[in-house]
Protein backbone atom coordinates (compact mmCIF):
# COMPACT_ATOMS: atom_id res chain seq x y z
CA MET A 1 -17.80 -12.89 -60.22
CA PRO A 2 -20.12 -14.26 -63.15
CA LEU A 3 -21.35 -17.09 -61.03
CA SER A 4 -22.17 -15.13 -57.92
CA GLY A 5 -25.38 -16.44 -56.38
CA LYS A 6 -25.20 -19.84 -58.21
CA VAL A 7 -25.04 -23.24 -56.43
CA ALA A 8 -22.94 -26.10 -58.06
CA ILE A 9 -22.31 -29.72 -57.57
CA VAL A 10 -19.07 -31.23 -58.82
CA THR A 11 -18.80 -34.99 -58.55
CA GLY A 12 -15.24 -36.31 -57.87
CA GLY A 13 -14.20 -32.79 -56.70
CA SER A 14 -11.33 -33.66 -54.27
CA ARG A 15 -8.53 -34.28 -56.89
CA GLY A 16 -7.29 -33.78 -60.42
CA ILE A 17 -9.60 -32.02 -62.73
CA GLY A 18 -12.56 -32.06 -60.48
CA ARG A 19 -10.41 -30.04 -57.73
CA ALA A 20 -9.46 -27.45 -60.31
CA ILE A 21 -13.10 -27.14 -61.47
CA VAL A 22 -14.17 -26.59 -57.78
CA LEU A 23 -11.66 -23.96 -57.20
CA GLU A 24 -12.40 -22.26 -60.51
CA LEU A 25 -16.33 -22.07 -59.70
CA ILE A 26 -15.39 -20.80 -56.22
CA ARG A 27 -13.26 -18.00 -57.78
CA SER A 28 -16.31 -17.36 -60.06
CA GLY A 29 -18.57 -16.62 -57.16
CA ALA A 30 -20.41 -19.98 -56.92
CA LYS A 31 -21.23 -22.06 -53.85
CA VAL A 32 -19.91 -25.37 -54.37
CA VAL A 33 -20.92 -28.83 -53.02
CA PHE A 34 -18.41 -31.44 -54.08
CA THR A 35 -18.49 -35.23 -53.67
CA TYR A 36 -15.58 -37.70 -52.84
CA LEU A 37 -15.56 -41.29 -52.29
CA LYS A 38 -12.04 -42.26 -50.71
CA SER A 39 -10.18 -39.23 -50.68
CA GLU A 40 -11.16 -37.85 -47.28
CA GLY A 41 -7.59 -36.10 -46.70
CA PRO A 42 -7.63 -34.24 -50.17
CA ALA A 43 -11.23 -33.28 -49.49
CA ALA A 44 -10.46 -31.81 -46.24
CA ASP A 45 -7.55 -29.99 -47.58
CA LEU A 46 -9.64 -28.44 -50.41
CA LEU A 47 -12.15 -27.20 -48.05
CA GLU A 48 -9.21 -25.40 -46.17
CA GLU A 49 -8.02 -23.83 -49.38
CA ILE A 50 -11.62 -22.64 -50.27
CA LYS A 51 -11.86 -21.13 -46.80
CA ALA A 52 -8.61 -19.24 -47.30
CA LEU A 53 -10.33 -17.97 -50.44
CA LYS A 54 -13.42 -16.87 -48.41
CA GLY A 55 -15.44 -19.15 -50.64
CA THR A 56 -18.40 -21.20 -49.59
CA ALA A 57 -18.42 -25.04 -49.97
CA ALA A 58 -19.29 -28.38 -48.65
CA ALA A 59 -17.81 -31.79 -49.16
CA VAL A 60 -20.24 -34.79 -49.24
CA LYS A 61 -18.97 -38.50 -49.12
CA SER A 62 -20.96 -40.02 -51.74
CA ASP A 63 -20.94 -42.82 -54.45
CA SER A 64 -22.70 -41.60 -57.78
CA ARG A 65 -23.07 -45.28 -58.79
CA ASP A 66 -25.83 -45.37 -56.18
CA PHE A 67 -28.94 -43.63 -57.15
CA GLU A 68 -30.00 -43.22 -53.51
CA LEU A 69 -26.63 -41.64 -52.63
CA ALA A 70 -26.76 -39.35 -55.65
CA LYS A 71 -30.08 -38.19 -54.44
CA GLN A 72 -28.62 -37.55 -51.04
CA ALA A 73 -25.88 -35.58 -52.57
CA ALA A 74 -28.31 -33.31 -54.50
CA ALA A 75 -30.50 -32.86 -51.38
CA GLU A 76 -27.61 -31.97 -49.38
CA ALA A 77 -26.91 -28.95 -51.90
CA VAL A 78 -30.55 -27.84 -51.63
CA SER A 79 -30.66 -28.21 -47.76
CA LYS A 80 -27.41 -26.01 -47.38
CA PHE A 81 -27.66 -23.49 -50.19
CA GLY A 82 -31.40 -23.76 -51.47
CA THR A 83 -30.99 -25.12 -54.81
CA VAL A 84 -28.88 -26.60 -57.58
CA ASP A 85 -28.16 -24.38 -60.57
CA ILE A 86 -24.98 -26.17 -61.90
CA LEU A 87 -24.17 -29.94 -62.05
CA VAL A 88 -20.73 -30.95 -63.21
CA ASN A 89 -20.43 -34.48 -63.76
CA ASN A 90 -16.80 -35.42 -63.34
CA ALA A 91 -16.29 -38.46 -61.08
CA GLY A 92 -14.47 -41.23 -63.32
CA ILE A 93 -12.15 -44.16 -63.00
CA VAL A 94 -9.82 -46.00 -65.35
CA LYS A 95 -9.15 -49.81 -65.58
CA ASP A 96 -7.29 -50.17 -68.82
CA ARG A 97 -6.67 -53.43 -70.37
CA ALA A 98 -6.92 -55.31 -73.66
CA LEU A 99 -10.47 -56.70 -74.49
CA MET A 100 -9.05 -60.29 -74.45
CA LEU A 101 -7.75 -59.84 -71.18
CA MET A 102 -10.53 -57.60 -69.62
CA ASP A 103 -12.38 -58.88 -66.69
CA PRO A 104 -16.31 -58.39 -67.03
CA ALA A 105 -15.91 -56.63 -63.69
CA GLU A 106 -13.57 -54.04 -65.15
CA TRP A 107 -16.07 -53.40 -67.75
CA SER A 108 -19.01 -52.85 -65.49
CA ASP A 109 -16.94 -50.95 -62.93
CA VAL A 110 -16.13 -48.31 -65.52
CA ILE A 111 -19.44 -48.07 -67.14
CA ASP A 112 -21.17 -47.96 -63.75
CA THR A 113 -18.91 -45.00 -62.54
CA ASN A 114 -18.25 -43.04 -65.72
CA LEU A 115 -21.81 -43.39 -67.33
CA THR A 116 -24.34 -44.60 -65.01
CA GLY A 117 -23.20 -42.21 -62.37
CA TYR A 118 -23.70 -39.28 -64.61
CA PHE A 119 -27.20 -40.54 -65.25
CA ASN A 120 -27.90 -40.92 -61.52
CA MET A 121 -26.69 -37.48 -60.61
CA ALA A 122 -28.43 -35.82 -63.61
CA LYS A 123 -31.69 -37.42 -62.60
CA ALA A 124 -31.19 -36.45 -59.04
CA CYS A 125 -30.92 -32.85 -60.04
CA ILE A 126 -33.10 -32.38 -62.99
CA VAL A 127 -36.62 -31.84 -61.29
CA THR A 128 -35.11 -29.16 -59.20
CA MET A 129 -33.78 -27.55 -62.30
CA MET A 130 -37.02 -27.99 -64.34
CA LYS A 131 -39.04 -26.40 -61.50
CA GLN A 132 -37.07 -23.30 -61.32
CA LYS A 133 -36.84 -23.27 -65.22
CA SER A 134 -33.12 -22.81 -65.21
CA GLY A 135 -30.12 -25.00 -64.90
CA ASN A 136 -26.73 -26.19 -66.41
CA ILE A 137 -25.27 -29.64 -66.68
CA ILE A 138 -21.67 -30.00 -67.76
CA ASN A 139 -20.53 -33.61 -68.44
CA ILE A 140 -16.88 -34.35 -68.40
CA SER A 141 -16.14 -36.73 -71.28
CA SER A 142 -12.92 -37.54 -73.04
CA VAL A 143 -11.29 -37.63 -76.36
CA ALA A 144 -11.41 -41.34 -75.74
CA GLY A 145 -14.97 -41.04 -76.32
CA VAL A 146 -14.52 -38.87 -79.53
CA VAL A 147 -11.89 -41.13 -81.28
CA GLY A 148 -11.52 -44.28 -79.32
CA LEU A 149 -8.30 -45.44 -77.70
CA PRO A 150 -6.77 -48.98 -77.79
CA LYS A 151 -6.91 -50.93 -74.50
CA GLN A 152 -9.68 -48.61 -73.31
CA VAL A 153 -12.77 -50.22 -74.59
CA ASN A 154 -14.66 -49.76 -71.19
CA TYR A 155 -13.48 -46.05 -70.74
CA SER A 156 -13.87 -45.11 -74.33
CA SER A 157 -17.43 -46.54 -74.57
CA ALA A 158 -18.48 -44.87 -71.31
CA LYS A 159 -17.08 -41.50 -72.47
CA ALA A 160 -18.77 -41.82 -75.97
CA GLY A 161 -22.04 -42.63 -73.98
CA ILE A 162 -21.67 -39.53 -72.22
CA ILE A 163 -21.62 -37.62 -75.50
CA GLY A 164 -24.85 -39.31 -76.60
CA PHE A 165 -26.30 -38.61 -73.21
CA THR A 166 -25.43 -34.93 -73.43
CA LYS A 167 -26.82 -34.44 -76.92
CA SER A 168 -30.19 -36.31 -76.07
CA LEU A 169 -30.77 -34.62 -72.57
CA ALA A 170 -29.95 -31.24 -74.11
CA LYS A 171 -32.83 -31.56 -76.52
CA GLU A 172 -35.09 -32.87 -73.84
CA VAL A 173 -34.64 -30.08 -71.46
CA ALA A 174 -33.96 -27.13 -73.59
CA SER A 175 -37.51 -25.74 -73.22
CA PHE A 176 -36.96 -25.57 -69.45
CA ASN A 177 -33.97 -23.31 -70.09
CA ILE A 178 -31.62 -26.01 -69.10
CA ARG A 179 -28.54 -26.36 -70.93
CA VAL A 180 -26.41 -29.57 -71.23
CA ASN A 181 -22.87 -29.63 -72.66
CA ALA A 182 -19.88 -31.83 -72.52
CA VAL A 183 -16.11 -31.15 -72.20
CA ALA A 184 -13.77 -33.71 -73.71
CA PRO A 185 -10.22 -33.43 -72.29
CA GLY A 186 -7.18 -35.01 -74.00
CA TYR A 187 -4.32 -36.16 -71.81
CA VAL A 188 -4.10 -34.00 -68.65
CA GLU A 189 -1.31 -33.82 -65.93
CA THR A 190 -3.26 -35.49 -63.10
CA ASP A 191 -2.55 -38.38 -60.64
CA MET A 192 -4.31 -40.67 -63.32
CA THR A 193 -1.87 -39.87 -65.99
CA LYS A 194 1.48 -39.13 -64.19
CA ASP A 195 2.71 -42.72 -64.25
CA LEU A 196 1.91 -43.29 -67.93
CA LYS A 197 5.07 -45.16 -69.23
CA GLN A 198 4.43 -44.07 -72.80
CA LYS A 199 4.05 -40.36 -71.86
CA GLU A 200 6.78 -39.08 -74.19
CA ASN A 201 5.56 -41.08 -77.13
CA LEU A 202 2.16 -39.85 -76.53
CA ILE A 203 3.24 -36.20 -76.69
CA LYS A 204 4.43 -36.93 -80.27
CA PHE A 205 0.61 -37.11 -81.27
CA ILE A 206 -0.43 -33.93 -79.62
CA PRO A 207 0.12 -30.99 -81.99
CA SER A 208 0.49 -28.63 -78.93
CA GLY A 209 3.42 -30.69 -77.77
CA ARG A 210 2.39 -31.20 -74.25
CA PHE A 211 -0.34 -32.55 -71.60
CA GLY A 212 -2.98 -30.24 -70.50
CA ARG A 213 -3.36 -28.71 -67.17
CA PRO A 214 -6.42 -29.24 -64.89
CA GLU A 215 -6.94 -25.39 -64.75
CA GLU A 216 -7.21 -25.35 -68.48
CA ILE A 217 -10.21 -27.79 -68.46
CA ALA A 218 -11.79 -25.74 -65.37
CA LYS A 219 -11.74 -22.54 -67.29
CA VAL A 220 -13.95 -24.08 -70.18
CA VAL A 221 -16.38 -25.57 -67.52
CA SER A 222 -16.64 -22.29 -65.82
CA PHE A 223 -17.44 -20.65 -69.18
CA LEU A 224 -19.97 -23.12 -69.98
CA ALA A 225 -21.64 -22.66 -66.51
CA GLY A 226 -22.06 -18.96 -66.91
CA ASP A 227 -24.43 -16.66 -68.86
CA GLU A 228 -21.69 -15.74 -71.50
CA SER A 229 -22.38 -19.14 -73.05
CA GLY A 230 -26.16 -19.00 -72.90
CA TYR A 231 -26.74 -20.00 -76.71
CA ILE A 232 -24.48 -23.13 -76.24
CA THR A 233 -26.15 -26.43 -75.59
CA GLY A 234 -25.76 -30.07 -76.72
CA GLN A 235 -22.08 -29.37 -77.63
CA VAL A 236 -18.86 -31.33 -76.98
CA ILE A 237 -15.89 -29.00 -76.37
CA LYS A 238 -12.69 -30.65 -76.93
CA VAL A 239 -9.74 -29.49 -74.79
CA ASP A 240 -7.08 -31.69 -76.09
CA GLY A 241 -4.03 -29.60 -77.62
CA GLY A 242 -5.29 -30.68 -81.05
CA LEU A 243 -5.02 -34.55 -80.39
CA ALA A 244 -8.63 -35.35 -82.07
CA ILE A 245 -8.11 -33.03 -84.99
């Protein structure tokens, strides 16, 4: 159990990729605090599944767009489990639309959640990590931030911003033994993608010929969270079946 004794926070952990990450970290021995905003039912179900695995976790209703709520989520982890060793910034939304039709609110909602939310959670955790001179931040970006995707200027901008955020912060905190990396998934089988009308057409552009599975993203996150990746920081790991080659 490579993460035994570690304490992790996973934002947006009740569904999709976040849920898979929570379960993978639990199986690796970590204690996990995961946040959710609206998915109370899935959050409760996940806690039951973790209990069955004899894992230790807590669910916190929070909105990472609000810095005060982000601080409360971090404080909850410290209160329950003593510290924060790992932060997985995962919470995100999509509001796809062509730029000429995009409402300014659709731009700001995605930027606030998918980029500012990452800043808020990192800021809420970074002092604890700096004081203990160890920590690990893993930001979930996207291939949309690497190559850009049409009708996703808000989402692609936020995910590209995460990459810059990751590289800058990695340089800033490396001397405190804190590592910062990003994972950039391609198309993954989640609630967010299950209704994509052009799914069959998209698969034609993926060399691996399929969408990814949330568990495949979670395995990479778990690797980055552990000591085996101790010499990796400031990197963007694409998990996309070759989409961004």
